[in-house]
């Protein structure tokens, strides 16, 4: 398949698949243990990676379509910056109001690694959901709201994550549609996501990672 056809035509199979993966994720999270949920996520991730490798081999120039490019990185990161700054300030204020613990030293481990997950999540939002809804929702704001609603629901039953990913997804999508760079939006997602984990969820994955690496 040529890249033009893949770009201009929605792939409803991709959209259906990612929605089914998200629905199954919700059901597993609600019905089974964390261990089973992690196992499901690992299997689903491998399946998606296999599909992406197949799509890459079949569609010339698809990396650029996916936003995996460097030519527009600087304007894209600048466009994301204002939302990141506003989000960081809002989260820090929330942390003070809610008496969240101070950020530990291990926070920097999380913020260094989280953009990898941010890129993966934004890939799903921008390429599997928003791109394939663009023919149904041609208005940019309507597309951002619709795609982000679907993306937010996939974080159920954690309602705080549903709300935050919905709001964040709208802004990320609006900016991405103007500056389609997956690296920039993934970094922005990673920075804000790291703060959400510590300030809103009050979890400390950085310490857990360091403890695991050091055998502690």
N, C-alpha and C. Protein backbone atom coordinates (compact mmCIF):
# COMPACT_ATOMS: atom_id res chain seq x y z
N UNK A 1 0.85 -1.21 0.00
CA UNK A 1 0.00 0.00 0.00
C UNK A 1 0.87 1.25 0.00
N UNK A 2 0.53 2.22 -0.82
CA UNK A 2 1.25 3.47 -0.85
C UNK A 2 0.82 4.35 0.32
N UNK A 3 1.71 5.22 0.74
CA UNK A 3 1.46 6.04 1.92
C UNK A 3 0.27 6.98 1.70
N UNK A 4 0.05 7.43 0.45
CA UNK A 4 -1.07 8.33 0.19
C UNK A 4 -2.40 7.67 0.53
N UNK A 5 -2.57 6.43 0.12
CA UNK A 5 -3.81 5.72 0.39
C UNK A 5 -4.00 5.50 1.89
N UNK A 6 -2.92 5.15 2.58
CA UNK A 6 -3.01 4.91 4.02
C UNK A 6 -3.33 6.21 4.77
N UNK A 7 -2.85 7.33 4.24
CA UNK A 7 -3.08 8.63 4.88
C UNK A 7 -4.50 9.13 4.67
N UNK A 8 -5.01 9.00 3.46
CA UNK A 8 -6.29 9.62 3.11
C UNK A 8 -7.49 8.75 3.46
N UNK A 9 -7.31 7.44 3.56
CA UNK A 9 -8.43 6.57 3.88
C UNK A 9 -8.37 6.13 5.33
N UNK A 10 -9.49 6.21 6.06
CA UNK A 10 -9.47 5.71 7.44
C UNK A 10 -9.34 4.19 7.45
N UNK A 11 -8.70 3.67 8.45
CA UNK A 11 -8.58 2.22 8.61
C UNK A 11 -9.43 1.84 9.82
N UNK A 12 -10.67 1.49 9.54
CA UNK A 12 -11.59 1.22 10.63
C UNK A 12 -11.22 -0.06 11.38
N UNK A 13 -10.46 -0.93 10.72
CA UNK A 13 -9.98 -2.12 11.42
C UNK A 13 -9.05 -1.74 12.56
N UNK A 14 -8.16 -0.76 12.31
CA UNK A 14 -7.27 -0.27 13.37
C UNK A 14 -8.09 0.32 14.52
N UNK A 15 -9.07 1.13 14.16
CA UNK A 15 -9.90 1.78 15.18
C UNK A 15 -10.65 0.74 16.00
N UNK A 16 -11.25 -0.24 15.33
CA UNK A 16 -11.99 -1.27 16.05
C UNK A 16 -11.06 -2.08 16.95
N UNK A 17 -9.88 -2.40 16.44
CA UNK A 17 -8.93 -3.21 17.22
C UNK A 17 -8.49 -2.48 18.48
N UNK A 18 -8.15 -1.19 18.35
CA UNK A 18 -7.67 -0.48 19.54
C UNK A 18 -8.80 -0.27 20.55
N UNK A 19 -10.03 -0.10 20.05
CA UNK A 19 -11.16 0.04 20.97
C UNK A 19 -11.44 -1.27 21.69
N UNK A 20 -11.31 -2.39 20.99
CA UNK A 20 -11.49 -3.69 21.63
C UNK A 20 -10.40 -3.96 22.65
N UNK A 21 -9.16 -3.58 22.32
CA UNK A 21 -8.06 -3.74 23.27
C UNK A 21 -8.34 -2.91 24.53
N UNK A 22 -8.81 -1.66 24.32
CA UNK A 22 -9.12 -0.82 25.46
C UNK A 22 -10.26 -1.35 26.30
N UNK A 23 -11.31 -1.87 25.65
CA UNK A 23 -12.45 -2.44 26.38
C UNK A 23 -12.01 -3.66 27.18
N UNK A 24 -11.22 -4.53 26.55
CA UNK A 24 -10.73 -5.71 27.25
C UNK A 24 -9.85 -5.32 28.44
N UNK A 25 -9.07 -4.26 28.26
CA UNK A 25 -8.23 -3.76 29.36
C UNK A 25 -9.09 -3.36 30.55
N UNK A 26 -10.18 -2.66 30.28
CA UNK A 26 -11.08 -2.26 31.37
C UNK A 26 -11.65 -3.48 32.08
N UNK A 27 -12.13 -4.45 31.32
CA UNK A 27 -12.74 -5.65 31.90
C UNK A 27 -11.73 -6.44 32.73
N UNK A 28 -10.49 -6.54 32.24
CA UNK A 28 -9.45 -7.26 32.97
C UNK A 28 -9.10 -6.52 34.26
N UNK A 29 -8.98 -5.19 34.18
CA UNK A 29 -8.66 -4.38 35.35
C UNK A 29 -9.72 -4.55 36.44
N UNK A 30 -10.98 -4.61 36.03
CA UNK A 30 -12.08 -4.71 37.00
C UNK A 30 -12.19 -6.12 37.57
N UNK A 31 -11.97 -7.13 36.73
CA UNK A 31 -12.33 -8.50 37.09
C UNK A 31 -11.19 -9.33 37.65
N UNK A 32 -9.96 -8.97 37.36
CA UNK A 32 -8.85 -9.85 37.72
C UNK A 32 -7.77 -9.11 38.50
N UNK A 33 -6.75 -9.84 38.89
CA UNK A 33 -5.67 -9.29 39.71
C UNK A 33 -4.74 -8.41 38.88
N UNK A 34 -3.90 -7.64 39.58
CA UNK A 34 -2.93 -6.79 38.90
C UNK A 34 -1.97 -7.61 38.04
N UNK A 35 -1.63 -8.81 38.51
CA UNK A 35 -0.70 -9.67 37.76
C UNK A 35 -1.31 -10.05 36.42
N UNK A 36 -2.57 -10.45 36.42
CA UNK A 36 -3.24 -10.82 35.17
C UNK A 36 -3.37 -9.61 34.27
N UNK A 37 -3.67 -8.45 34.86
CA UNK A 37 -3.80 -7.22 34.06
C UNK A 37 -2.47 -6.88 33.39
N UNK A 38 -1.37 -7.04 34.12
CA UNK A 38 -0.05 -6.77 33.52
C UNK A 38 0.25 -7.76 32.40
N UNK A 39 -0.13 -9.01 32.61
CA UNK A 39 0.07 -10.01 31.56
C UNK A 39 -0.73 -9.69 30.32
N UNK A 40 -1.98 -9.27 30.51
CA UNK A 40 -2.80 -8.87 29.36
C UNK A 40 -2.17 -7.70 28.63
N UNK A 41 -1.74 -6.69 29.37
CA UNK A 41 -1.13 -5.51 28.75
C UNK A 41 0.11 -5.88 27.95
N UNK A 42 0.90 -6.83 28.47
CA UNK A 42 2.11 -7.26 27.76
C UNK A 42 1.74 -7.95 26.45
N UNK A 43 0.76 -8.84 26.50
CA UNK A 43 0.33 -9.55 25.29
C UNK A 43 -0.25 -8.58 24.27
N UNK A 44 -1.09 -7.65 24.74
CA UNK A 44 -1.68 -6.66 23.83
C UNK A 44 -0.61 -5.80 23.20
N UNK A 45 0.40 -5.41 23.98
CA UNK A 45 1.48 -4.57 23.45
C UNK A 45 2.27 -5.30 22.38
N UNK A 46 2.55 -6.57 22.61
CA UNK A 46 3.29 -7.37 21.63
C UNK A 46 2.48 -7.48 20.33
N UNK A 47 1.18 -7.72 20.47
CA UNK A 47 0.33 -7.83 19.29
C UNK A 47 0.33 -6.54 18.48
N UNK A 48 0.28 -5.40 19.16
CA UNK A 48 0.29 -4.10 18.47
C UNK A 48 1.64 -3.89 17.78
N UNK A 49 2.72 -4.24 18.45
CA UNK A 49 4.05 -4.07 17.87
C UNK A 49 4.20 -4.92 16.61
N UNK A 50 3.70 -6.15 16.65
CA UNK A 50 3.75 -7.02 15.48
C UNK A 50 2.99 -6.39 14.33
N UNK A 51 1.82 -5.84 14.61
CA UNK A 51 1.04 -5.17 13.57
C UNK A 51 1.79 -3.98 12.99
N UNK A 52 2.41 -3.19 13.85
CA UNK A 52 3.12 -2.00 13.39
C UNK A 52 4.32 -2.37 12.51
N UNK A 53 5.01 -3.44 12.87
CA UNK A 53 6.12 -3.91 12.03
C UNK A 53 5.60 -4.32 10.66
N UNK A 54 4.48 -5.03 10.66
CA UNK A 54 3.87 -5.44 9.39
C UNK A 54 3.46 -4.23 8.57
N UNK A 55 2.84 -3.25 9.20
CA UNK A 55 2.41 -2.04 8.50
C UNK A 55 3.62 -1.27 7.97
N UNK A 56 4.68 -1.20 8.75
CA UNK A 56 5.90 -0.50 8.33
C UNK A 56 6.50 -1.16 7.09
N UNK A 57 6.51 -2.48 7.07
CA UNK A 57 7.09 -3.21 5.94
C UNK A 57 6.20 -3.10 4.70
N UNK A 58 4.92 -2.88 4.90
CA UNK A 58 3.97 -2.89 3.79
C UNK A 58 3.72 -1.49 3.21
N UNK A 59 3.93 -0.44 4.01
CA UNK A 59 3.56 0.90 3.59
C UNK A 59 4.78 1.81 3.58
N UNK A 60 5.24 2.17 2.41
CA UNK A 60 6.42 3.04 2.29
C UNK A 60 6.10 4.42 2.86
N UNK A 61 7.03 4.97 3.63
CA UNK A 61 6.87 6.31 4.16
C UNK A 61 5.92 6.44 5.32
N UNK A 62 5.55 5.31 5.94
CA UNK A 62 4.53 5.36 6.98
C UNK A 62 5.04 6.02 8.26
N UNK A 63 6.35 5.99 8.50
CA UNK A 63 6.87 6.59 9.73
C UNK A 63 6.55 8.09 9.79
N UNK A 64 6.65 8.75 8.66
CA UNK A 64 6.32 10.17 8.62
C UNK A 64 4.83 10.39 8.89
N UNK A 65 4.00 9.51 8.34
CA UNK A 65 2.56 9.59 8.59
C UNK A 65 2.28 9.44 10.08
N UNK A 66 3.03 8.58 10.75
CA UNK A 66 2.84 8.34 12.18
C UNK A 66 3.42 9.45 13.05
N UNK A 67 4.03 10.45 12.44
CA UNK A 67 4.62 11.54 13.22
C UNK A 67 6.01 11.24 13.74
N UNK A 68 6.62 10.16 13.27
CA UNK A 68 7.98 9.81 13.67
C UNK A 68 8.96 10.52 12.74
N UNK A 69 9.15 11.79 13.00
CA UNK A 69 9.92 12.64 12.11
C UNK A 69 10.67 13.68 12.94
N UNK A 70 11.66 14.31 12.32
CA UNK A 70 12.44 15.30 13.04
C UNK A 70 12.36 16.69 12.49
N UNK A 71 11.83 16.84 11.26
CA UNK A 71 11.87 18.15 10.61
C UNK A 71 11.01 19.19 11.31
N UNK A 72 9.95 18.78 11.99
CA UNK A 72 9.07 19.74 12.65
C UNK A 72 9.13 19.63 14.17
N UNK A 73 10.19 19.01 14.70
CA UNK A 73 10.26 18.77 16.14
C UNK A 73 10.30 20.07 16.94
N UNK A 74 11.12 21.03 16.52
CA UNK A 74 11.26 22.28 17.28
C UNK A 74 9.95 23.05 17.34
N UNK A 75 9.28 23.33 16.20
CA UNK A 75 7.99 24.02 16.32
C UNK A 75 6.95 23.20 17.09
N UNK A 76 7.02 21.88 16.99
CA UNK A 76 6.07 21.03 17.71
C UNK A 76 6.30 21.11 19.22
N UNK A 77 7.56 21.06 19.64
CA UNK A 77 7.84 21.11 21.08
C UNK A 77 7.53 22.49 21.64
N UNK A 78 7.73 23.52 20.83
CA UNK A 78 7.36 24.87 21.27
C UNK A 78 5.85 24.97 21.44
N UNK A 79 5.11 24.39 20.53
CA UNK A 79 3.65 24.44 20.60
C UNK A 79 3.14 23.66 21.82
N UNK A 80 3.81 22.56 22.17
CA UNK A 80 3.40 21.77 23.33
C UNK A 80 3.80 22.45 24.64
N UNK A 81 4.81 23.32 24.58
CA UNK A 81 5.42 23.86 25.80
C UNK A 81 4.42 24.63 26.65
N UNK A 82 3.59 25.45 26.02
CA UNK A 82 2.67 26.27 26.81
C UNK A 82 1.68 25.41 27.58
N UNK A 83 1.22 24.32 26.97
CA UNK A 83 0.29 23.43 27.66
C UNK A 83 0.99 22.69 28.78
N UNK A 84 2.23 22.27 28.55
CA UNK A 84 2.99 21.57 29.58
C UNK A 84 3.22 22.49 30.78
N UNK A 85 3.63 23.73 30.53
CA UNK A 85 3.87 24.67 31.62
C UNK A 85 2.59 24.90 32.42
N UNK A 86 1.48 25.12 31.73
CA UNK A 86 0.20 25.32 32.41
C UNK A 86 -0.19 24.09 33.21
N UNK A 87 0.02 22.90 32.62
CA UNK A 87 -0.31 21.66 33.31
C UNK A 87 0.56 21.43 34.54
N UNK A 88 1.85 21.70 34.42
CA UNK A 88 2.76 21.54 35.56
C UNK A 88 2.35 22.46 36.71
N UNK A 89 2.07 23.71 36.40
CA UNK A 89 1.66 24.66 37.43
C UNK A 89 0.36 24.22 38.10
N UNK A 90 -0.60 23.76 37.30
CA UNK A 90 -1.88 23.31 37.86
C UNK A 90 -1.68 22.11 38.77
N UNK A 91 -0.83 21.17 38.37
CA UNK A 91 -0.59 19.98 39.18
C UNK A 91 0.16 20.32 40.47
N UNK A 92 1.11 21.24 40.40
CA UNK A 92 1.83 21.65 41.61
C UNK A 92 0.90 22.34 42.59
N UNK A 93 0.01 23.19 42.09
CA UNK A 93 -0.98 23.84 42.96
C UNK A 93 -1.90 22.80 43.59
N UNK A 94 -2.33 21.83 42.78
CA UNK A 94 -3.17 20.75 43.31
C UNK A 94 -2.42 19.98 44.40
N UNK A 95 -1.13 19.75 44.17
CA UNK A 95 -0.33 19.04 45.16
C UNK A 95 -0.28 19.77 46.49
N UNK A 96 -0.15 21.08 46.45
CA UNK A 96 -0.13 21.87 47.68
C UNK A 96 -1.48 21.81 48.37
N UNK A 97 -2.55 21.98 47.59
CA UNK A 97 -3.90 21.99 48.17
C UNK A 97 -4.25 20.64 48.78
N UNK A 98 -3.84 19.56 48.12
CA UNK A 98 -4.20 18.21 48.57
C UNK A 98 -3.16 17.60 49.51
N UNK A 99 -2.14 18.40 49.89
CA UNK A 99 -1.09 17.92 50.80
C UNK A 99 -0.37 16.68 50.27
N UNK A 100 -0.12 16.67 48.98
CA UNK A 100 0.62 15.56 48.40
C UNK A 100 2.06 15.59 48.91
N UNK A 101 2.70 14.43 49.08
CA UNK A 101 4.09 14.40 49.53
C UNK A 101 5.00 15.10 48.52
N UNK A 102 6.12 15.61 49.01
CA UNK A 102 7.10 16.24 48.12
C UNK A 102 7.63 15.20 47.14
N UNK A 103 8.02 15.67 45.97
CA UNK A 103 8.55 14.76 44.96
C UNK A 103 9.88 14.18 45.45
N UNK A 104 10.01 12.85 45.48
CA UNK A 104 11.26 12.23 45.95
C UNK A 104 12.34 12.30 44.87
N UNK A 105 13.55 11.99 45.26
CA UNK A 105 14.65 11.98 44.30
C UNK A 105 14.41 11.01 43.16
N UNK A 106 13.70 9.92 43.44
CA UNK A 106 13.43 8.90 42.41
C UNK A 106 12.47 9.39 41.35
N UNK A 107 11.86 10.56 41.57
CA UNK A 107 10.97 11.12 40.57
C UNK A 107 11.67 11.29 39.23
N UNK A 108 12.95 11.61 39.27
CA UNK A 108 13.68 11.85 38.03
C UNK A 108 13.88 10.57 37.23
N UNK A 109 13.86 9.43 37.89
CA UNK A 109 13.87 8.16 37.17
C UNK A 109 12.57 8.00 36.37
N UNK A 110 11.46 8.36 37.01
CA UNK A 110 10.17 8.25 36.35
C UNK A 110 10.07 9.21 35.17
N UNK A 111 10.48 10.46 35.38
CA UNK A 111 10.32 11.45 34.32
C UNK A 111 11.28 11.17 33.16
N UNK A 112 12.35 10.43 33.43
CA UNK A 112 13.27 10.06 32.35
C UNK A 112 12.71 8.93 31.50
N UNK A 113 11.94 8.04 32.13
CA UNK A 113 11.43 6.85 31.42
C UNK A 113 10.00 7.03 30.90
N UNK A 114 9.21 7.85 31.57
CA UNK A 114 7.79 7.95 31.23
C UNK A 114 7.53 8.41 29.80
N UNK A 115 8.36 9.30 29.21
CA UNK A 115 8.08 9.69 27.82
C UNK A 115 8.00 8.52 26.84
N UNK A 116 8.68 7.40 27.16
CA UNK A 116 8.57 6.22 26.29
C UNK A 116 7.12 5.74 26.28
N UNK A 117 6.51 5.68 27.47
CA UNK A 117 5.11 5.30 27.56
C UNK A 117 4.22 6.39 26.98
N UNK A 118 4.65 7.64 27.13
CA UNK A 118 3.90 8.75 26.55
C UNK A 118 3.83 8.65 25.04
N UNK A 119 4.95 8.30 24.41
CA UNK A 119 4.97 8.12 22.95
C UNK A 119 4.01 6.99 22.55
N UNK A 120 4.03 5.89 23.31
CA UNK A 120 3.16 4.76 22.98
C UNK A 120 1.69 5.15 23.10
N UNK A 121 1.34 5.87 24.18
CA UNK A 121 -0.06 6.25 24.36
C UNK A 121 -0.51 7.27 23.32
N UNK A 122 0.37 8.21 23.01
CA UNK A 122 0.01 9.19 22.00
C UNK A 122 -0.05 8.56 20.61
N UNK A 123 0.74 7.55 20.38
CA UNK A 123 0.63 6.83 19.10
C UNK A 123 -0.78 6.27 18.96
N UNK A 124 -1.26 5.63 20.04
CA UNK A 124 -2.61 5.05 19.99
C UNK A 124 -3.66 6.14 19.80
N UNK A 125 -3.53 7.24 20.54
CA UNK A 125 -4.52 8.31 20.45
C UNK A 125 -4.51 8.97 19.07
N UNK A 126 -3.32 9.35 18.59
CA UNK A 126 -3.24 10.14 17.37
C UNK A 126 -3.37 9.31 16.10
N UNK A 127 -2.81 8.10 16.10
CA UNK A 127 -2.77 7.31 14.86
C UNK A 127 -3.87 6.25 14.77
N UNK A 128 -4.19 5.62 15.87
CA UNK A 128 -5.23 4.59 15.82
C UNK A 128 -6.62 5.18 16.00
N UNK A 129 -6.75 6.20 16.84
CA UNK A 129 -8.09 6.75 17.13
C UNK A 129 -8.37 8.00 16.30
N UNK A 130 -7.61 9.09 16.55
CA UNK A 130 -7.92 10.37 15.90
C UNK A 130 -7.82 10.28 14.38
N UNK A 131 -6.75 9.69 13.89
CA UNK A 131 -6.57 9.60 12.43
C UNK A 131 -7.73 8.86 11.78
N UNK A 132 -8.20 7.81 12.39
CA UNK A 132 -9.25 7.00 11.78
C UNK A 132 -10.65 7.52 12.05
N UNK A 133 -10.76 8.55 12.91
CA UNK A 133 -12.04 9.22 13.11
C UNK A 133 -12.15 10.49 12.29
N UNK A 134 -11.05 10.89 11.64
CA UNK A 134 -11.02 12.20 10.99
C UNK A 134 -12.04 12.34 9.85
N UNK A 135 -12.41 11.23 9.22
CA UNK A 135 -13.42 11.32 8.16
C UNK A 135 -14.83 11.45 8.75
N UNK A 136 -15.02 10.90 9.94
CA UNK A 136 -16.33 10.98 10.59
C UNK A 136 -16.48 12.30 11.32
N UNK A 137 -15.38 12.79 11.90
CA UNK A 137 -15.38 14.05 12.65
C UNK A 137 -14.36 14.99 12.01
N UNK A 138 -14.70 15.61 10.89
CA UNK A 138 -13.72 16.44 10.17
C UNK A 138 -13.36 17.73 10.89
N UNK A 139 -14.27 18.23 11.77
CA UNK A 139 -13.96 19.42 12.54
C UNK A 139 -12.86 19.12 13.55
N UNK A 140 -11.83 19.96 13.61
CA UNK A 140 -10.66 19.65 14.43
C UNK A 140 -11.00 19.56 15.92
N UNK A 141 -11.82 20.48 16.42
CA UNK A 141 -12.20 20.44 17.83
C UNK A 141 -13.08 19.23 18.12
N UNK A 142 -14.04 18.96 17.24
CA UNK A 142 -14.89 17.79 17.43
C UNK A 142 -14.09 16.51 17.41
N UNK A 143 -13.11 16.44 16.52
CA UNK A 143 -12.24 15.26 16.45
C UNK A 143 -11.45 15.11 17.74
N UNK A 144 -10.90 16.21 18.24
CA UNK A 144 -10.11 16.15 19.47
C UNK A 144 -10.96 15.69 20.65
N UNK A 145 -12.17 16.20 20.74
CA UNK A 145 -13.06 15.82 21.84
C UNK A 145 -13.48 14.36 21.72
N UNK A 146 -13.89 13.95 20.51
CA UNK A 146 -14.33 12.57 20.31
C UNK A 146 -13.23 11.55 20.56
N UNK A 147 -12.06 11.80 19.99
CA UNK A 147 -10.95 10.87 20.16
C UNK A 147 -10.50 10.81 21.62
N UNK A 148 -10.46 11.96 22.27
CA UNK A 148 -10.01 12.00 23.66
C UNK A 148 -11.01 11.36 24.61
N UNK A 149 -12.29 11.44 24.27
CA UNK A 149 -13.30 10.76 25.08
C UNK A 149 -13.09 9.25 25.06
N UNK A 150 -12.86 8.72 23.87
CA UNK A 150 -12.60 7.28 23.75
C UNK A 150 -11.31 6.90 24.47
N UNK A 151 -10.30 7.73 24.33
CA UNK A 151 -9.02 7.47 24.97
C UNK A 151 -9.16 7.54 26.49
N UNK A 152 -9.91 8.54 26.97
CA UNK A 152 -10.08 8.68 28.41
C UNK A 152 -10.81 7.51 29.04
N UNK A 153 -11.85 7.03 28.38
CA UNK A 153 -12.64 5.92 28.92
C UNK A 153 -11.78 4.66 29.11
N UNK A 154 -10.75 4.51 28.28
CA UNK A 154 -9.89 3.32 28.39
C UNK A 154 -9.14 3.28 29.72
N UNK A 155 -9.12 4.39 30.47
CA UNK A 155 -8.43 4.42 31.76
C UNK A 155 -9.37 4.10 32.93
N UNK A 156 -10.63 3.79 32.64
CA UNK A 156 -11.57 3.36 33.66
C UNK A 156 -11.03 2.07 34.29
N UNK A 157 -11.17 1.83 35.61
CA UNK A 157 -12.05 2.51 36.56
C UNK A 157 -11.40 3.65 37.35
N UNK A 158 -10.21 4.10 36.99
CA UNK A 158 -9.57 5.20 37.72
C UNK A 158 -10.12 6.51 37.16
N UNK A 159 -11.14 7.03 37.82
CA UNK A 159 -11.89 8.16 37.28
C UNK A 159 -11.03 9.41 37.16
N UNK A 160 -10.07 9.58 38.05
CA UNK A 160 -9.19 10.74 37.94
C UNK A 160 -8.37 10.68 36.65
N UNK A 161 -7.96 9.47 36.26
CA UNK A 161 -7.22 9.32 35.01
C UNK A 161 -8.14 9.50 33.81
N UNK A 162 -9.37 9.04 33.91
CA UNK A 162 -10.33 9.25 32.82
C UNK A 162 -10.47 10.75 32.55
N UNK A 163 -10.66 11.53 33.61
CA UNK A 163 -10.86 12.97 33.45
C UNK A 163 -9.61 13.66 32.92
N UNK A 164 -8.45 13.32 33.50
CA UNK A 164 -7.21 13.99 33.11
C UNK A 164 -6.79 13.63 31.68
N UNK A 165 -6.94 12.37 31.30
CA UNK A 165 -6.55 11.99 29.94
C UNK A 165 -7.52 12.56 28.91
N UNK A 166 -8.77 12.75 29.30
CA UNK A 166 -9.73 13.38 28.40
C UNK A 166 -9.34 14.84 28.14
N UNK A 167 -9.11 15.58 29.21
CA UNK A 167 -8.75 17.00 29.06
C UNK A 167 -7.40 17.13 28.35
N UNK A 168 -6.40 16.36 28.82
CA UNK A 168 -5.09 16.43 28.19
C UNK A 168 -5.13 16.00 26.74
N UNK A 169 -5.92 14.97 26.47
CA UNK A 169 -6.00 14.46 25.10
C UNK A 169 -6.54 15.49 24.12
N UNK A 170 -7.47 16.31 24.58
CA UNK A 170 -8.02 17.35 23.70
C UNK A 170 -6.92 18.31 23.27
N UNK A 171 -6.15 18.81 24.25
CA UNK A 171 -5.09 19.75 23.91
C UNK A 171 -3.98 19.09 23.11
N UNK A 172 -3.59 17.89 23.50
CA UNK A 172 -2.54 17.18 22.75
C UNK A 172 -2.96 16.98 21.30
N UNK A 173 -4.21 16.60 21.09
CA UNK A 173 -4.68 16.32 19.73
C UNK A 173 -4.77 17.59 18.90
N UNK A 174 -5.28 18.66 19.51
CA UNK A 174 -5.36 19.93 18.78
C UNK A 174 -3.98 20.39 18.33
N UNK A 175 -3.00 20.28 19.21
CA UNK A 175 -1.65 20.71 18.86
C UNK A 175 -1.03 19.76 17.85
N UNK A 176 -1.25 18.46 18.05
CA UNK A 176 -0.66 17.45 17.16
C UNK A 176 -1.20 17.59 15.74
N UNK A 177 -2.48 17.93 15.61
CA UNK A 177 -3.04 18.06 14.26
C UNK A 177 -2.39 19.20 13.49
N UNK A 178 -1.87 20.18 14.21
CA UNK A 178 -1.19 21.30 13.57
C UNK A 178 0.30 21.01 13.40
N UNK A 179 0.89 20.34 14.39
CA UNK A 179 2.32 19.99 14.35
C UNK A 179 2.45 18.49 14.62
N UNK A 180 2.27 17.65 13.59
CA UNK A 180 2.26 16.20 13.80
C UNK A 180 3.65 15.62 14.05
N UNK A 181 4.08 15.70 15.31
CA UNK A 181 5.36 15.12 15.69
C UNK A 181 5.14 14.27 16.93
N UNK A 182 5.31 12.96 16.78
CA UNK A 182 5.02 12.02 17.86
C UNK A 182 6.00 12.18 19.02
N UNK A 183 7.26 12.53 18.71
CA UNK A 183 8.26 12.67 19.78
C UNK A 183 7.91 13.83 20.70
N UNK A 184 7.51 14.95 20.11
CA UNK A 184 7.18 16.13 20.92
C UNK A 184 5.98 15.87 21.82
N UNK A 185 4.91 15.31 21.27
CA UNK A 185 3.72 15.07 22.07
C UNK A 185 3.97 13.96 23.09
N UNK A 186 4.83 13.00 22.77
CA UNK A 186 5.16 11.94 23.72
C UNK A 186 5.94 12.47 24.91
N UNK A 187 6.88 13.40 24.66
CA UNK A 187 7.63 14.01 25.75
C UNK A 187 6.71 14.82 26.64
N UNK A 188 5.83 15.63 26.01
CA UNK A 188 4.88 16.43 26.79
C UNK A 188 3.99 15.53 27.65
N UNK A 189 3.50 14.46 27.07
CA UNK A 189 2.68 13.49 27.81
C UNK A 189 3.47 12.89 28.96
N UNK A 190 4.74 12.57 28.71
CA UNK A 190 5.57 11.95 29.73
C UNK A 190 5.81 12.85 30.92
N UNK A 191 6.07 14.14 30.67
CA UNK A 191 6.31 15.08 31.76
C UNK A 191 5.06 15.22 32.63
N UNK A 192 3.93 15.47 31.99
CA UNK A 192 2.69 15.65 32.76
C UNK A 192 2.25 14.34 33.42
N UNK A 193 2.42 13.22 32.69
CA UNK A 193 2.04 11.93 33.25
C UNK A 193 2.84 11.58 34.49
N UNK A 194 4.13 11.92 34.49
CA UNK A 194 4.97 11.65 35.66
C UNK A 194 4.45 12.39 36.88
N UNK A 195 4.09 13.65 36.70
CA UNK A 195 3.58 14.44 37.82
C UNK A 195 2.22 13.92 38.29
N UNK A 196 1.39 13.48 37.36
CA UNK A 196 0.09 12.92 37.74
C UNK A 196 0.28 11.69 38.62
N UNK A 197 1.23 10.84 38.25
CA UNK A 197 1.46 9.61 39.02
C UNK A 197 1.82 9.94 40.47
N UNK A 198 2.69 10.92 40.66
CA UNK A 198 3.14 11.25 42.01
C UNK A 198 2.15 12.13 42.77
N UNK A 199 1.60 13.13 42.11
CA UNK A 199 0.79 14.13 42.81
C UNK A 199 -0.67 13.71 42.93
N UNK A 200 -1.23 13.15 41.87
CA UNK A 200 -2.65 12.78 41.88
C UNK A 200 -2.84 11.35 42.38
N UNK A 201 -2.09 10.41 41.80
CA UNK A 201 -2.23 9.01 42.20
C UNK A 201 -1.45 8.68 43.47
N UNK A 202 -0.48 9.53 43.80
CA UNK A 202 0.36 9.35 45.00
C UNK A 202 1.08 8.01 44.98
N UNK A 203 1.61 7.66 43.82
CA UNK A 203 2.42 6.46 43.65
C UNK A 203 3.87 6.85 43.39
N UNK A 204 4.79 5.92 43.60
CA UNK A 204 6.22 6.21 43.45
C UNK A 204 6.90 5.10 42.64
N UNK A 205 6.65 5.05 41.32
CA UNK A 205 7.26 4.00 40.51
C UNK A 205 8.77 4.14 40.39
N UNK A 206 9.29 5.35 40.52
CA UNK A 206 10.74 5.54 40.42
C UNK A 206 11.49 4.78 41.48
N UNK A 207 11.03 4.86 42.73
CA UNK A 207 11.67 4.13 43.81
C UNK A 207 11.57 2.63 43.59
N UNK A 208 10.41 2.18 43.09
CA UNK A 208 10.23 0.75 42.82
C UNK A 208 11.21 0.28 41.74
N UNK A 209 11.42 1.10 40.71
CA UNK A 209 12.34 0.73 39.64
C UNK A 209 13.78 0.66 40.16
N UNK A 210 14.17 1.67 40.93
CA UNK A 210 15.53 1.69 41.48
C UNK A 210 15.75 0.50 42.41
N UNK A 211 14.75 0.21 43.23
CA UNK A 211 14.84 -0.93 44.15
C UNK A 211 15.00 -2.24 43.38
N UNK A 212 14.26 -2.37 42.29
CA UNK A 212 14.35 -3.58 41.47
C UNK A 212 15.73 -3.70 40.82
N UNK A 213 16.23 -2.58 40.29
CA UNK A 213 17.53 -2.60 39.59
C UNK A 213 18.69 -2.88 40.56
N UNK A 214 18.54 -2.42 41.79
CA UNK A 214 19.62 -2.59 42.77
C UNK A 214 19.44 -3.84 43.62
N UNK A 215 18.35 -4.56 43.39
CA UNK A 215 18.09 -5.78 44.15
C UNK A 215 17.62 -5.51 45.56
N UNK A 216 17.10 -4.30 45.78
CA UNK A 216 16.65 -3.92 47.13
C UNK A 216 15.27 -4.45 47.46
